[in-house]
């Protein structure tokens, strides 16, 4: 990324496929949202039957995002966020949390679901001194993300890349690692990477099998050791890679269980 022109490039509009469940809409269903279709709710119910704790996991993931952004915008002084796989706007979105601490924060959301684009354009508004933008792009194509991000974010200043519950939708682990490396190579020293990722368990693996029969993109849980490799070359922020609910827990209460099949961490680029 070079420079910081005032606005991103043109958005790409695709046909909205309501006949196939999509993870962003199913996740919205798990969080109690209304921006989903019968096919998404049916897939969600099937997953919840195999993995009854999945709705707890969705809430735990959102609570981690809030704590992570508070840490990054507060303690670490980050003013730029690249939130990839943002999903449908619900509550405590990245820009809301960051701009409540630092109104000048700049947030770029990235997702590949046209329904997310429609809602993002209507709901992801910014504080006057800050910036909130959305682009339709796919994590499989990090170069496009970085190219379009150059219009909203200044690559000479630290950026926090948020990959919350998204990397487990890339089935090839080596490709996922290469994508993360490409993104981190493009941002300066002092930048951060935040990840929340599904981990193997009997119920998580069965839930993934149920999802992969009908939904897209696929869900591929990984081991904590595999997730840790995404942070190679980075300095892990305490407490390191831990269960999502154990990463700096605070007073945020979304009714989540203490044990979830998801690990999370934040790493700093030296």
C-alpha atoms as a PDB file:
ATOM      1  CA  UNK A   1       0.000   0.000   0.000  1.00  0.00           C
ATOM      2  CA  UNK A   2       1.224   3.459  -0.797  1.00  0.00           C
ATOM      3  CA  UNK A   3      -0.292   6.813   0.019  1.00  0.00           C
ATOM      4  CA  UNK A   4      -3.809   7.454   1.282  1.00  0.00           C
ATOM      5  CA  UNK A   5      -6.210   8.765  -1.360  1.00  0.00           C
ATOM      6  CA  UNK A   6      -9.542   9.942   0.050  1.00  0.00           C
ATOM      7  CA  UNK A   7     -11.759   7.053  -1.007  1.00  0.00           C
ATOM      8  CA  UNK A   8     -11.371   3.398  -1.997  1.00  0.00           C
ATOM      9  CA  UNK A   9     -11.839   2.102  -5.507  1.00  0.00           C
ATOM     10  CA  UNK A  10     -15.228   1.171  -6.934  1.00  0.00           C
ATOM     11  CA  UNK A  11     -17.218  -1.572  -5.214  1.00  0.00           C
ATOM     12  CA  UNK A  12     -18.050  -4.739  -7.105  1.00  0.00           C
ATOM     13  CA  UNK A  13     -21.673  -5.854  -6.931  1.00  0.00           C
ATOM     14  CA  UNK A  14     -22.472  -9.563  -7.421  1.00  0.00           C
ATOM     15  CA  UNK A  15     -25.713 -11.503  -7.507  1.00  0.00           C
ATOM     16  CA  UNK A  16     -27.061 -12.381  -4.071  1.00  0.00           C
ATOM     17  CA  UNK A  17     -27.455 -16.173  -3.831  1.00  0.00           C
ATOM     18  CA  UNK A  18     -30.181 -16.891  -1.265  1.00  0.00           C
ATOM     19  CA  UNK A  19     -30.393 -20.582  -2.153  1.00  0.00           C
ATOM     20  CA  UNK A  20     -27.075 -21.526  -0.535  1.00  0.00           C
ATOM     21  CA  UNK A  21     -26.297 -20.771   3.119  1.00  0.00           C
ATOM     22  CA  UNK A  22     -23.461 -18.303   3.614  1.00  0.00           C
ATOM     23  CA  UNK A  23     -21.306 -18.114   6.714  1.00  0.00           C
ATOM     24  CA  UNK A  24     -21.825 -14.358   7.233  1.00  0.00           C
ATOM     25  CA  UNK A  25     -25.601 -14.807   7.339  1.00  0.00           C
ATOM     26  CA  UNK A  26     -25.468 -17.950   9.493  1.00  0.00           C
ATOM     27  CA  UNK A  27     -23.157 -16.126  11.912  1.00  0.00           C
ATOM     28  CA  UNK A  28     -25.686 -13.298  11.999  1.00  0.00           C
ATOM     29  CA  UNK A  29     -28.358 -15.875  12.908  1.00  0.00           C
ATOM     30  CA  UNK A  30     -26.183 -17.253  15.707  1.00  0.00           C
ATOM     31  CA  UNK A  31     -25.767 -13.731  17.096  1.00  0.00           C
ATOM     32  CA  UNK A  32     -29.528 -13.204  17.143  1.00  0.00           C
ATOM     33  CA  UNK A  33     -29.649 -11.016  14.035  1.00  0.00           C
ATOM     34  CA  UNK A  34     -32.433 -10.854  11.441  1.00  0.00           C
ATOM     35  CA  UNK A  35     -30.335 -10.456   8.287  1.00  0.00           C
ATOM     36  CA  UNK A  36     -30.490 -14.049   7.114  1.00  0.00           C
ATOM     37  CA  UNK A  37     -32.652 -16.363   5.028  1.00  0.00           C
ATOM     38  CA  UNK A  38     -34.468 -19.660   5.708  1.00  0.00           C
ATOM     39  CA  UNK A  39     -31.635 -21.614   4.120  1.00  0.00           C
ATOM     40  CA  UNK A  40     -29.172 -19.943   6.525  1.00  0.00           C
ATOM     41  CA  UNK A  41     -31.347 -20.693   9.556  1.00  0.00           C
ATOM     42  CA  UNK A  42     -31.797 -24.301   8.480  1.00  0.00           C
ATOM     43  CA  UNK A  43     -28.028 -24.734   8.118  1.00  0.00           C
ATOM     44  CA  UNK A  44     -27.475 -22.985  11.452  1.00  0.00           C
ATOM     45  CA  UNK A  45     -29.933 -25.267  13.216  1.00  0.00           C
ATOM     46  CA  UNK A  46     -28.215 -28.304  11.714  1.00  0.00           C
ATOM     47  CA  UNK A  47     -24.836 -27.094  12.953  1.00  0.00           C
ATOM     48  CA  UNK A  48     -26.241 -26.252  16.389  1.00  0.00           C
ATOM     49  CA  UNK A  49     -27.696 -29.751  16.658  1.00  0.00           C
ATOM     50  CA  UNK A  50     -24.247 -31.233  16.055  1.00  0.00           C
ATOM     51  CA  UNK A  51     -22.448 -28.555  18.110  1.00  0.00           C
ATOM     52  CA  UNK A  52     -24.831 -27.109  20.735  1.00  0.00           C
ATOM     53  CA  UNK A  53     -22.226 -24.592  21.917  1.00  0.00           C
ATOM     54  CA  UNK A  54     -21.846 -22.869  18.546  1.00  0.00           C
ATOM     55  CA  UNK A  55     -23.977 -19.881  19.546  1.00  0.00           C
ATOM     56  CA  UNK A  56     -21.820 -19.472  22.648  1.00  0.00           C
ATOM     57  CA  UNK A  57     -18.793 -19.536  20.355  1.00  0.00           C
ATOM     58  CA  UNK A  58     -20.278 -16.805  18.146  1.00  0.00           C
ATOM     59  CA  UNK A  59     -20.803 -14.572  21.165  1.00  0.00           C
ATOM     60  CA  UNK A  60     -17.336 -15.372  22.517  1.00  0.00           C
ATOM     61  CA  UNK A  61     -15.841 -14.438  19.152  1.00  0.00           C
ATOM     62  CA  UNK A  62     -17.641 -11.078  19.147  1.00  0.00           C
ATOM     63  CA  UNK A  63     -16.607 -10.410  22.760  1.00  0.00           C
ATOM     64  CA  UNK A  64     -12.966 -11.105  21.821  1.00  0.00           C
ATOM     65  CA  UNK A  65     -13.210  -8.657  18.931  1.00  0.00           C
ATOM     66  CA  UNK A  66     -14.418  -5.977  21.339  1.00  0.00           C
ATOM     67  CA  UNK A  67     -11.616  -6.639  23.819  1.00  0.00           C
ATOM     68  CA  UNK A  68      -9.033  -6.803  21.030  1.00  0.00           C
ATOM     69  CA  UNK A  69     -10.099  -3.496  19.471  1.00  0.00           C
ATOM     70  CA  UNK A  70     -10.204  -1.835  22.880  1.00  0.00           C
ATOM     71  CA  UNK A  71      -6.664  -3.020  23.526  1.00  0.00           C
ATOM     72  CA  UNK A  72      -5.420  -1.970  20.095  1.00  0.00           C
ATOM     73  CA  UNK A  73      -7.077   1.449  20.012  1.00  0.00           C
ATOM     74  CA  UNK A  74      -6.455   2.122  23.697  1.00  0.00           C
ATOM     75  CA  UNK A  75      -3.273   0.630  25.088  1.00  0.00           C
ATOM     76  CA  UNK A  76      -1.503   0.245  21.734  1.00  0.00           C
ATOM     77  CA  UNK A  77      -2.624   3.504  20.127  1.00  0.00           C
ATOM     78  CA  UNK A  78      -3.645   1.945  16.803  1.00  0.00           C
ATOM     79  CA  UNK A  79      -5.719   4.260  14.619  1.00  0.00           C
ATOM     80  CA  UNK A  80      -6.128   2.095  11.500  1.00  0.00           C
ATOM     81  CA  UNK A  81      -7.982  -1.212  11.241  1.00  0.00           C
ATOM     82  CA  UNK A  82      -8.321  -3.620   8.329  1.00  0.00           C
ATOM     83  CA  UNK A  83     -11.181  -5.938   9.311  1.00  0.00           C
ATOM     84  CA  UNK A  84     -11.355  -8.834   6.840  1.00  0.00           C
ATOM     85  CA  UNK A  85     -14.364 -11.141   6.871  1.00  0.00           C
ATOM     86  CA  UNK A  86     -16.327  -8.615   8.869  1.00  0.00           C
ATOM     87  CA  UNK A  87     -19.691 -10.287   8.346  1.00  0.00           C
ATOM     88  CA  UNK A  88     -23.005  -8.516   8.702  1.00  0.00           C
ATOM     89  CA  UNK A  89     -23.066  -5.461  10.967  1.00  0.00           C
ATOM     90  CA  UNK A  90     -24.567  -6.384  14.330  1.00  0.00           C
ATOM     91  CA  UNK A  91     -23.411  -4.738  17.566  1.00  0.00           C
ATOM     92  CA  UNK A  92     -20.038  -3.584  18.881  1.00  0.00           C
ATOM     93  CA  UNK A  93     -18.631  -3.433  15.353  1.00  0.00           C
ATOM     94  CA  UNK A  94     -14.935  -2.613  14.992  1.00  0.00           C
ATOM     95  CA  UNK A  95     -15.492   1.030  14.031  1.00  0.00           C
ATOM     96  CA  UNK A  96     -17.884   1.604  16.927  1.00  0.00           C
ATOM     97  CA  UNK A  97     -15.440   0.245  19.481  1.00  0.00           C
ATOM     98  CA  UNK A  98     -12.356   1.932  18.003  1.00  0.00           C
ATOM     99  CA  UNK A  99     -13.974   5.330  17.392  1.00  0.00           C
ATOM    100  CA  UNK A 100     -15.473   5.382  20.876  1.00  0.00           C
ATOM    101  CA  UNK A 101     -11.871   5.429  22.110  1.00  0.00           C
ATOM    102  CA  UNK A 102     -10.285   7.422  19.283  1.00  0.00           C
ATOM    103  CA  UNK A 103     -12.821   9.181  17.016  1.00  0.00           C
ATOM    104  CA  UNK A 104     -10.152   9.732  14.355  1.00  0.00           C
ATOM    105  CA  UNK A 105      -9.734   5.972  13.797  1.00  0.00           C
ATOM    106  CA  UNK A 106      -9.905   4.722  10.208  1.00  0.00           C
ATOM    107  CA  UNK A 107     -11.578   1.366   9.586  1.00  0.00           C
ATOM    108  CA  UNK A 108     -11.770  -0.594   6.346  1.00  0.00           C
ATOM    109  CA  UNK A 109     -14.135  -3.569   6.294  1.00  0.00           C
ATOM    110  CA  UNK A 110     -13.728  -6.399   3.780  1.00  0.00           C
ATOM    111  CA  UNK A 111     -16.214  -9.166   2.948  1.00  0.00           C
ATOM    112  CA  UNK A 112     -17.342 -11.095  -0.114  1.00  0.00           C
ATOM    113  CA  UNK A 113     -21.102 -11.382   0.497  1.00  0.00           C
ATOM    114  CA  UNK A 114     -23.269  -8.886  -1.430  1.00  0.00           C
ATOM    115  CA  UNK A 115     -25.769  -8.770   1.454  1.00  0.00           C
ATOM    116  CA  UNK A 116     -22.959  -7.602   3.723  1.00  0.00           C
ATOM    117  CA  UNK A 117     -22.204  -4.842   1.200  1.00  0.00           C
ATOM    118  CA  UNK A 118     -25.804  -3.615   1.223  1.00  0.00           C
ATOM    119  CA  UNK A 119     -25.921  -3.430   4.998  1.00  0.00           C
ATOM    120  CA  UNK A 120     -22.412  -2.029   5.304  1.00  0.00           C
ATOM    121  CA  UNK A 121     -23.236   0.887   3.026  1.00  0.00           C
ATOM    122  CA  UNK A 122     -26.272   1.712   5.180  1.00  0.00           C
ATOM    123  CA  UNK A 123     -24.986   1.020   8.685  1.00  0.00           C
ATOM    124  CA  UNK A 124     -21.204   1.358   8.860  1.00  0.00           C
ATOM    125  CA  UNK A 125     -21.101   5.098   9.430  1.00  0.00           C
ATOM    126  CA  UNK A 126     -18.115   6.952  10.838  1.00  0.00           C
ATOM    127  CA  UNK A 127     -17.466   9.683  13.354  1.00  0.00           C
ATOM    128  CA  UNK A 128     -16.704  13.010  11.589  1.00  0.00           C
ATOM    129  CA  UNK A 129     -12.929  12.924  12.238  1.00  0.00           C
ATOM    130  CA  UNK A 130     -12.622   9.234  11.364  1.00  0.00           C
ATOM    131  CA  UNK A 131     -13.167   7.060   8.291  1.00  0.00           C
ATOM    132  CA  UNK A 132     -15.252   3.928   7.792  1.00  0.00           C
ATOM    133  CA  UNK A 133     -15.206   2.205   4.396  1.00  0.00           C
ATOM    134  CA  UNK A 134     -16.237  -1.176   3.012  1.00  0.00           C
ATOM    135  CA  UNK A 135     -14.900  -3.095   0.022  1.00  0.00           C
ATOM    136  CA  UNK A 136     -16.157  -6.335  -1.494  1.00  0.00           C
ATOM    137  CA  UNK A 137     -13.156  -8.624  -1.796  1.00  0.00           C
ATOM    138  CA  UNK A 138     -12.055 -12.141  -0.900  1.00  0.00           C
ATOM    139  CA  UNK A 139      -9.361 -13.154   1.585  1.00  0.00           C
ATOM    140  CA  UNK A 140      -8.076 -15.585  -1.040  1.00  0.00           C
ATOM    141  CA  UNK A 141      -6.928 -12.521  -3.007  1.00  0.00           C
ATOM    142  CA  UNK A 142      -4.827 -10.474  -0.550  1.00  0.00           C
ATOM    143  CA  UNK A 143      -3.260  -8.376  -3.315  1.00  0.00           C
ATOM    144  CA  UNK A 144      -6.665  -6.981  -4.283  1.00  0.00           C
ATOM    145  CA  UNK A 145      -7.426  -6.240  -0.636  1.00  0.00           C
ATOM    146  CA  UNK A 146      -4.113  -4.432  -0.209  1.00  0.00           C
ATOM    147  CA  UNK A 147      -4.541  -2.502  -3.453  1.00  0.00           C
ATOM    148  CA  UNK A 148      -7.991  -1.227  -2.488  1.00  0.00           C
ATOM    149  CA  UNK A 149      -6.961  -0.654   1.128  1.00  0.00           C
ATOM    150  CA  UNK A 150      -4.397   1.856  -0.100  1.00  0.00           C
ATOM    151  CA  UNK A 151      -7.279   4.234  -0.790  1.00  0.00           C
ATOM    152  CA  UNK A 152      -8.414   4.285   2.841  1.00  0.00           C
ATOM    153  CA  UNK A 153      -5.389   3.436   4.981  1.00  0.00           C
ATOM    154  CA  UNK A 154      -1.904   4.936   5.228  1.00  0.00           C
ATOM    155  CA  UNK A 155       0.639   2.126   4.972  1.00  0.00           C
ATOM    156  CA  UNK A 156       3.365   4.280   6.529  1.00  0.00           C
ATOM    157  CA  UNK A 157       1.517   4.114   9.858  1.00  0.00           C
ATOM    158  CA  UNK A 158       0.693   0.988  11.915  1.00  0.00           C
ATOM    159  CA  UNK A 159      -2.397  -0.999  10.954  1.00  0.00           C
ATOM    160  CA  UNK A 160      -4.259  -3.693  12.869  1.00  0.00           C
ATOM    161  CA  UNK A 161      -5.399  -6.569  10.666  1.00  0.00           C
ATOM    162  CA  UNK A 162      -8.436  -8.316  12.130  1.00  0.00           C
ATOM    163  CA  UNK A 163      -9.026 -11.923  11.013  1.00  0.00           C
ATOM    164  CA  UNK A 164     -11.817 -12.943  13.351  1.00  0.00           C
ATOM    165  CA  UNK A 165     -13.399 -16.328  12.563  1.00  0.00           C
ATOM    166  CA  UNK A 166     -12.310 -16.163   8.910  1.00  0.00           C
ATOM    167  CA  UNK A 167      -9.049 -18.086   8.432  1.00  0.00           C
ATOM    168  CA  UNK A 168     -10.767 -21.390   9.202  1.00  0.00           C
ATOM    169  CA  UNK A 169     -12.692 -20.879   5.947  1.00  0.00           C
ATOM    170  CA  UNK A 170      -9.473 -21.385   3.955  1.00  0.00           C
ATOM    171  CA  UNK A 171      -8.995 -25.124   3.685  1.00  0.00           C
ATOM    172  CA  UNK A 172      -5.355 -25.229   2.607  1.00  0.00           C
ATOM    173  CA  UNK A 173      -3.217 -24.419   5.645  1.00  0.00           C
ATOM    174  CA  UNK A 174      -0.151 -23.474   3.612  1.00  0.00           C
ATOM    175  CA  UNK A 175      -2.237 -21.111   1.494  1.00  0.00           C
ATOM    176  CA  UNK A 176      -3.772 -19.575   4.610  1.00  0.00           C
ATOM    177  CA  UNK A 177      -0.303 -19.021   6.056  1.00  0.00           C
ATOM    178  CA  UNK A 178       0.884 -17.464   2.789  1.00  0.00           C
ATOM    179  CA  UNK A 179      -2.083 -15.073   2.791  1.00  0.00           C
ATOM    180  CA  UNK A 180      -1.321 -13.928   6.337  1.00  0.00           C
ATOM    181  CA  UNK A 181       2.372 -13.447   5.455  1.00  0.00           C
ATOM    182  CA  UNK A 182       1.427 -11.370   2.400  1.00  0.00           C
ATOM    183  CA  UNK A 183      -0.824  -9.130   4.443  1.00  0.00           C
ATOM    184  CA  UNK A 184       1.723  -8.647   7.217  1.00  0.00           C
ATOM    185  CA  UNK A 185       4.573  -7.972   4.778  1.00  0.00           C
ATOM    186  CA  UNK A 186       2.628  -5.021   3.388  1.00  0.00           C
ATOM    187  CA  UNK A 187       2.206  -3.158   6.676  1.00  0.00           C
ATOM    188  CA  UNK A 188       4.861  -1.399   8.765  1.00  0.00           C
ATOM    189  CA  UNK A 189       6.607  -2.205  12.006  1.00  0.00           C
ATOM    190  CA  UNK A 190       4.352  -1.626  14.983  1.00  0.00           C
ATOM    191  CA  UNK A 191       1.322  -3.117  13.216  1.00  0.00           C
ATOM    192  CA  UNK A 192      -0.769  -5.899  14.727  1.00  0.00           C
ATOM    193  CA  UNK A 193      -2.513  -9.116  13.725  1.00  0.00           C
ATOM    194  CA  UNK A 194      -5.588 -10.355  15.613  1.00  0.00           C
ATOM    195  CA  UNK A 195      -6.922 -13.856  14.931  1.00  0.00           C
ATOM    196  CA  UNK A 196      -9.772 -15.961  16.313  1.00  0.00           C
ATOM    197  CA  UNK A 197      -9.911 -19.465  14.830  1.00  0.00           C
ATOM    198  CA  UNK A 198     -11.954 -22.643  15.341  1.00  0.00           C
ATOM    199  CA  UNK A 199     -10.068 -25.545  16.939  1.00  0.00           C
ATOM    200  CA  UNK A 200     -10.596 -29.281  16.701  1.00  0.00           C
ATOM    201  CA  UNK A 201     -12.954 -31.007  19.092  1.00  0.00           C
ATOM    202  CA  UNK A 202     -15.461 -33.788  18.609  1.00  0.00           C
ATOM    203  CA  UNK A 203     -18.392 -31.375  18.496  1.00  0.00           C
ATOM    204  CA  UNK A 204     -16.614 -28.713  16.415  1.00  0.00           C
ATOM    205  CA  UNK A 205     -15.485 -31.267  13.845  1.00  0.00           C
ATOM    206  CA  UNK A 206     -19.012 -32.685  13.579  1.00  0.00           C
ATOM    207  CA  UNK A 207     -20.458 -29.185  13.246  1.00  0.00           C
ATOM    208  CA  UNK A 208     -17.935 -28.463  10.493  1.00  0.00           C
ATOM    209  CA  UNK A 209     -18.935 -31.643   8.669  1.00  0.00           C
ATOM    210  CA  UNK A 210     -22.597 -30.613   8.812  1.00  0.00           C
ATOM    211  CA  UNK A 211     -21.779 -27.123   7.498  1.00  0.00           C
ATOM    212  CA  UNK A 212     -19.505 -28.352   4.728  1.00  0.00           C
ATOM    213  CA  UNK A 213     -22.310 -30.495   3.300  1.00  0.00           C
ATOM    214  CA  UNK A 214     -24.504 -27.519   2.524  1.00  0.00           C
ATOM    215  CA  UNK A 215     -22.742 -24.200   3.095  1.00  0.00           C
ATOM    216  CA  UNK A 216     -19.966 -22.034   1.765  1.00  0.00           C
ATOM    217  CA  UNK A 217     -17.181 -21.320   2.277  1.00  0.00           C
ATOM    218  CA  UNK A 218     -15.994 -24.544   3.966  1.00  0.00           C
ATOM    219  CA  UNK A 219     -15.113 -24.616   7.663  1.00  0.00           C
ATOM    220  CA  UNK A 220     -11.787 -26.225   8.568  1.00  0.00           C
ATOM    221  CA  UNK A 221     -10.891 -26.314  12.291  1.00  0.00           C
ATOM    222  CA  UNK A 222      -7.182 -26.465  13.139  1.00  0.00           C
ATOM    223  CA  UNK A 223      -5.015 -27.366  16.103  1.00  0.00           C
ATOM    224  CA  UNK A 224      -3.613 -24.673  18.415  1.00  0.00           C
ATOM    225  CA  UNK A 225      -0.156 -25.489  17.033  1.00  0.00           C
ATOM    226  CA  UNK A 226      -1.339 -24.816  13.467  1.00  0.00           C
ATOM    227  CA  UNK A 227      -2.981 -21.555  14.529  1.00  0.00           C
ATOM    228  CA  UNK A 228       0.211 -20.457  16.292  1.00  0.00           C
ATOM    229  CA  UNK A 229       2.085 -20.648  12.979  1.00  0.00           C
ATOM    230  CA  UNK A 230       0.079 -17.674  11.683  1.00  0.00           C
ATOM    231  CA  UNK A 231       2.006 -15.567  14.193  1.00  0.00           C
ATOM    232  CA  UNK A 232       5.486 -16.647  13.082  1.00  0.00           C
ATOM    233  CA  UNK A 233       7.812 -13.651  13.241  1.00  0.00           C
ATOM    234  CA  UNK A 234       5.430 -11.633  15.401  1.00  0.00           C
ATOM    235  CA  UNK A 235       5.599 -10.772  19.093  1.00  0.00           C
ATOM    236  CA  UNK A 236       2.599 -12.279  20.854  1.00  0.00           C
ATOM    237  CA  UNK A 237       0.747  -9.990  23.220  1.00  0.00           C
ATOM    238  CA  UNK A 238       0.116 -11.521  26.651  1.00  0.00           C
ATOM    239  CA  UNK A 239      -1.433 -14.004  27.364  1.00  0.00           C
ATOM    240  CA  UNK A 240      -0.444 -15.385  23.953  1.00  0.00           C
ATOM    241  CA  UNK A 241      -2.570 -17.906  22.055  1.00  0.00           C
ATOM    242  CA  UNK A 242      -5.348 -19.081  24.353  1.00  0.00           C
ATOM    243  CA  UNK A 243      -8.997 -20.046  24.285  1.00  0.00           C
ATOM    244  CA  UNK A 244     -10.944 -17.020  23.070  1.00  0.00           C
ATOM    245  CA  UNK A 245     -12.721 -16.530  26.400  1.00  0.00           C
ATOM    246  CA  UNK A 246      -9.369 -16.476  28.220  1.00  0.00           C
ATOM    247  CA  UNK A 247      -7.797 -13.654  26.219  1.00  0.00           C
ATOM    248  CA  UNK A 248      -7.818 -10.788  28.711  1.00  0.00           C
ATOM    249  CA  UNK A 249     -11.372 -11.398  29.980  1.00  0.00           C
ATOM    250  CA  UNK A 250     -13.091  -8.351  31.420  1.00  0.00           C
ATOM    251  CA  UNK A 251     -16.557  -7.128  32.272  1.00  0.00           C
ATOM    252  CA  UNK A 252     -17.968  -7.738  28.780  1.00  0.00           C
ATOM    253  CA  UNK A 253     -20.767 -10.249  29.320  1.00  0.00           C
ATOM    254  CA  UNK A 254     -22.474 -11.671  26.266  1.00  0.00           C
ATOM    255  CA  UNK A 255     -23.684 -14.751  28.113  1.00  0.00           C
ATOM    256  CA  UNK A 256     -20.840 -16.919  26.838  1.00  0.00           C
ATOM    257  CA  UNK A 257     -19.655 -20.176  28.353  1.00  0.00           C
ATOM    258  CA  UNK A 258     -16.101 -20.276  29.760  1.00  0.00           C
ATOM    259  CA  UNK A 259     -15.067 -23.062  27.355  1.00  0.00           C
ATOM    260  CA  UNK A 260     -15.374 -22.655  23.579  1.00  0.00           C
ATOM    261  CA  UNK A 261     -13.797 -24.420  20.612  1.00  0.00           C
ATOM    262  CA  UNK A 262     -11.946 -21.341  19.409  1.00  0.00           C
ATOM    263  CA  UNK A 263      -8.490 -19.924  20.090  1.00  0.00           C
ATOM    264  CA  UNK A 264      -7.386 -16.308  19.759  1.00  0.00           C
ATOM    265  CA  UNK A 265      -4.292 -14.148  19.950  1.00  0.00           C
ATOM    266  CA  UNK A 266      -2.833 -10.810  18.959  1.00  0.00           C
ATOM    267  CA  UNK A 267       0.686 -10.428  17.580  1.00  0.00           C
ATOM    268  CA  UNK A 268       2.781  -7.307  16.996  1.00  0.00           C
ATOM    269  CA  UNK A 269       5.078  -6.869  14.000  1.00  0.00           C
ATOM    270  CA  UNK A 270       8.550  -5.893  15.309  1.00  0.00           C
END
